[in-house]
Amino acid sequence: MSIAPEILATLNTTQDKLVSQLIQDVQDIYSNMLGIDLMHLPLEVDPMSQFQDCLSAMVGLGGTYSGLVSVHVPTTLAKVFTGAMLGMEVDEVDQDVYDALGEIANMVAGSFKQHISKGGSDIRISTPSVISGKDYIVQCKQCDSINLLFDVDEEWFVISVALSVD
């Protein structure tokens, strides 16, 4: 999927520029906060689909633009990210993992909203929510989205931004 041309025109940007900014935001956050270098995989993905043995951290956007910023991570990688963030080994999915992934989604949402808003004051972000399970579906109806696949040591995760105009 992609962001609708009318939203891009309102934002005074292009799909390529928005994607480039989001990739840079994600790489900076992971590098600075977790000490992990990511490689963006230029593949089209549809994260608004079924996940298996994953965690999804989501932050809502509301205001001039509304939508959802989400991070979809396999359980094994979620433990790696949490361990890197907390500086300790993480063996099980617990509240620390939920909190770490929620904070990552929060940072991505906070950075991204700066690209779609002057100063970010006309867009509010929600408190992060995290869901997990062996088999679940995430949907954002009537939203255009940017869906990016990233690789860490041959494991993947997805960052998704879904937008609509109010």
Protein backbone atom coordinates (compact mmCIF):
# COMPACT_ATOMS: atom_id res chain seq x y z
CA MET A 1 0.00 0.00 0.00
CA SER A 2 0.94 3.62 -0.14
CA ILE A 3 -0.19 7.02 1.05
CA ALA A 4 -2.91 8.57 -1.12
CA PRO A 5 -1.78 11.35 -3.48
CA GLU A 6 -4.16 13.85 -1.85
CA ILE A 7 -2.60 13.24 1.58
CA LEU A 8 0.90 13.58 0.11
CA ALA A 9 -0.15 16.84 -1.58
CA THR A 10 -1.52 18.16 1.72
CA LEU A 11 1.76 17.20 3.40
CA ASN A 12 3.70 18.84 0.54
CA THR A 13 5.89 15.75 0.17
CA THR A 14 6.31 12.59 -1.87
CA GLN A 15 5.92 8.94 -0.96
CA ASP A 16 9.67 8.41 -1.50
CA LYS A 17 10.61 11.29 0.80
CA LEU A 18 8.23 10.16 3.54
CA VAL A 19 9.55 6.58 3.30
CA SER A 20 13.14 7.83 3.39
CA GLN A 21 12.42 9.93 6.49
CA LEU A 22 10.73 7.01 8.24
CA ILE A 23 13.61 4.64 7.41
CA GLN A 24 16.10 7.17 8.79
CA ASP A 25 14.01 7.70 11.95
CA VAL A 26 13.80 3.96 12.62
CA GLN A 27 17.50 3.37 11.96
CA ASP A 28 18.47 6.29 14.22
CA ILE A 29 16.22 5.14 17.07
CA TYR A 30 17.48 1.56 16.96
CA SER A 31 21.09 2.65 16.66
CA ASN A 32 20.97 5.27 19.44
CA MET A 33 18.62 3.55 21.90
CA LEU A 34 19.50 -0.11 21.37
CA GLY A 35 22.92 -0.07 19.72
CA ILE A 36 21.49 -2.17 16.87
CA ASP A 37 22.16 -1.40 13.22
CA LEU A 38 19.23 -2.21 10.97
CA MET A 39 19.05 -2.94 7.29
CA HIS A 40 15.90 -1.84 5.48
CA LEU A 41 14.68 -4.56 3.14
CA PRO A 42 13.04 -3.00 0.08
CA LEU A 43 10.15 -5.43 -0.09
CA GLU A 44 6.46 -4.66 -0.17
CA VAL A 45 4.73 -6.08 2.86
CA ASP A 46 1.23 -5.91 4.22
CA PRO A 47 1.43 -5.84 8.01
CA MET A 48 -2.30 -5.40 8.35
CA SER A 49 -2.51 -9.14 8.16
CA GLN A 50 -1.97 -12.24 10.20
CA PHE A 51 0.97 -12.56 12.60
CA GLN A 52 2.37 -15.70 14.15
CA ASP A 53 4.26 -15.72 17.47
CA CYS A 54 4.77 -11.96 17.39
CA LEU A 55 4.23 -8.83 19.43
CA SER A 56 2.75 -5.66 17.98
CA ALA A 57 3.23 -2.31 19.67
CA MET A 58 0.91 0.42 18.45
CA VAL A 59 0.58 4.16 18.99
CA GLY A 60 -2.45 6.04 17.71
CA LEU A 61 -2.25 9.39 15.93
CA GLY A 62 -5.05 11.92 16.21
CA GLY A 63 -5.54 15.47 14.98
CA THR A 64 -4.99 16.91 11.52
CA TYR A 65 -4.03 13.39 10.47
CA SER A 66 -5.13 10.28 12.28
CA GLY A 67 -3.82 6.77 12.08
CA LEU A 68 -1.59 4.23 13.67
CA VAL A 69 2.15 3.69 14.02
CA SER A 70 2.95 0.06 14.71
CA VAL A 71 5.96 -2.15 15.26
CA HIS A 72 5.42 -5.87 14.54
CA VAL A 73 8.21 -8.03 15.96
CA PRO A 74 8.72 -11.80 16.32
CA THR A 75 8.91 -12.85 19.97
CA THR A 76 12.58 -13.83 19.72
CA LEU A 77 13.53 -10.44 18.33
CA ALA A 78 11.37 -8.61 20.89
CA LYS A 79 13.48 -10.19 23.64
CA VAL A 80 16.68 -9.12 21.84
CA PHE A 81 15.44 -5.52 21.55
CA THR A 82 14.41 -5.43 25.20
CA GLY A 83 17.73 -6.87 26.33
CA ALA A 84 19.60 -4.27 24.27
CA MET A 85 17.46 -1.45 25.66
CA LEU A 86 17.79 -2.58 29.28
CA GLY A 87 21.37 -3.86 29.10
CA MET A 88 20.50 -7.35 30.32
CA GLU A 89 19.59 -10.77 29.00
CA VAL A 90 15.87 -11.33 28.51
CA ASP A 91 14.66 -14.94 28.49
CA GLU A 92 10.89 -14.54 28.57
CA VAL A 93 8.21 -12.20 27.33
CA ASP A 94 7.16 -10.18 30.34
CA GLN A 95 6.17 -6.63 31.26
CA ASP A 96 9.70 -5.38 30.46
CA VAL A 97 9.28 -6.60 26.86
CA TYR A 98 5.86 -4.95 26.54
CA ASP A 99 7.23 -1.70 27.98
CA ALA A 100 10.32 -1.70 25.75
CA LEU A 101 8.33 -2.34 22.56
CA GLY A 102 5.76 0.27 23.57
CA GLU A 103 8.56 2.79 24.05
CA ILE A 104 10.07 1.93 20.66
CA ALA A 105 6.68 2.47 18.97
CA ASN A 106 6.29 5.71 20.92
CA MET A 107 9.68 6.99 19.72
CA VAL A 108 8.93 6.08 16.10
CA ALA A 109 5.51 7.80 16.29
CA GLY A 110 7.00 10.89 17.94
CA SER A 111 9.70 11.18 15.30
CA PHE A 112 7.37 10.49 12.40
CA LYS A 113 4.75 13.04 13.42
CA GLN A 114 7.39 15.76 13.02
CA HIS A 115 7.49 14.95 9.28
CA ILE A 116 3.74 15.35 8.82
CA SER A 117 3.15 18.34 11.07
CA LYS A 118 4.78 21.70 11.67
CA GLY A 119 6.11 21.32 15.19
CA GLY A 120 3.84 18.35 15.84
CA SER A 121 1.34 20.32 17.94
CA ASP A 122 -1.66 19.56 15.74
CA ILE A 123 -1.20 15.79 16.08
CA ARG A 124 -1.42 13.95 19.37
CA ILE A 125 -0.08 10.47 20.04
CA SER A 126 -1.69 7.92 22.31
CA THR A 127 -0.20 5.82 25.03
CA PRO A 128 1.35 2.71 23.46
CA SER A 129 -0.60 -0.55 23.38
CA VAL A 130 1.04 -3.93 22.92
CA ILE A 131 -0.60 -7.14 21.84
CA SER A 132 0.93 -10.58 21.47
CA GLY A 133 -0.08 -14.04 20.54
CA LYS A 134 0.54 -17.15 18.55
CA ASP A 135 -1.90 -16.10 15.82
CA TYR A 136 -3.65 -12.72 15.47
CA ILE A 137 -4.74 -10.09 12.95
CA VAL A 138 -4.22 -6.31 13.04
CA GLN A 139 -6.40 -4.09 10.84
CA CYS A 140 -6.66 -0.37 10.23
CA LYS A 141 -9.68 0.23 8.03
CA GLN A 142 -9.76 3.07 5.52
CA CYS A 143 -6.12 3.99 6.08
CA ASP A 144 -3.31 4.43 3.61
CA SER A 145 -0.06 2.97 4.86
CA ILE A 146 3.69 2.79 4.57
CA ASN A 147 4.94 -0.67 5.52
CA LEU A 148 8.68 -1.18 5.94
CA LEU A 149 10.50 -4.45 6.48
CA PHE A 150 13.76 -4.38 8.47
CA ASP A 151 16.36 -7.09 9.03
CA VAL A 152 18.43 -7.79 12.14
CA ASP A 153 20.73 -10.80 11.92
CA GLU A 154 18.46 -12.49 9.37
CA GLU A 155 15.30 -11.93 11.41
CA TRP A 156 12.73 -9.42 10.18
CA PHE A 157 10.29 -7.02 11.70
CA VAL A 158 7.82 -4.52 10.26
CA ILE A 159 7.26 -0.83 10.93
CA SER A 160 3.94 0.42 9.65
CA VAL A 161 2.42 3.90 9.51
CA ALA A 162 -1.24 4.11 8.55
CA LEU A 163 -2.68 7.58 7.87
CA SER A 164 -6.01 9.15 7.08
CA VAL A 165 -7.21 12.74 6.95
CA ASP A 166 -9.92 13.76 9.40
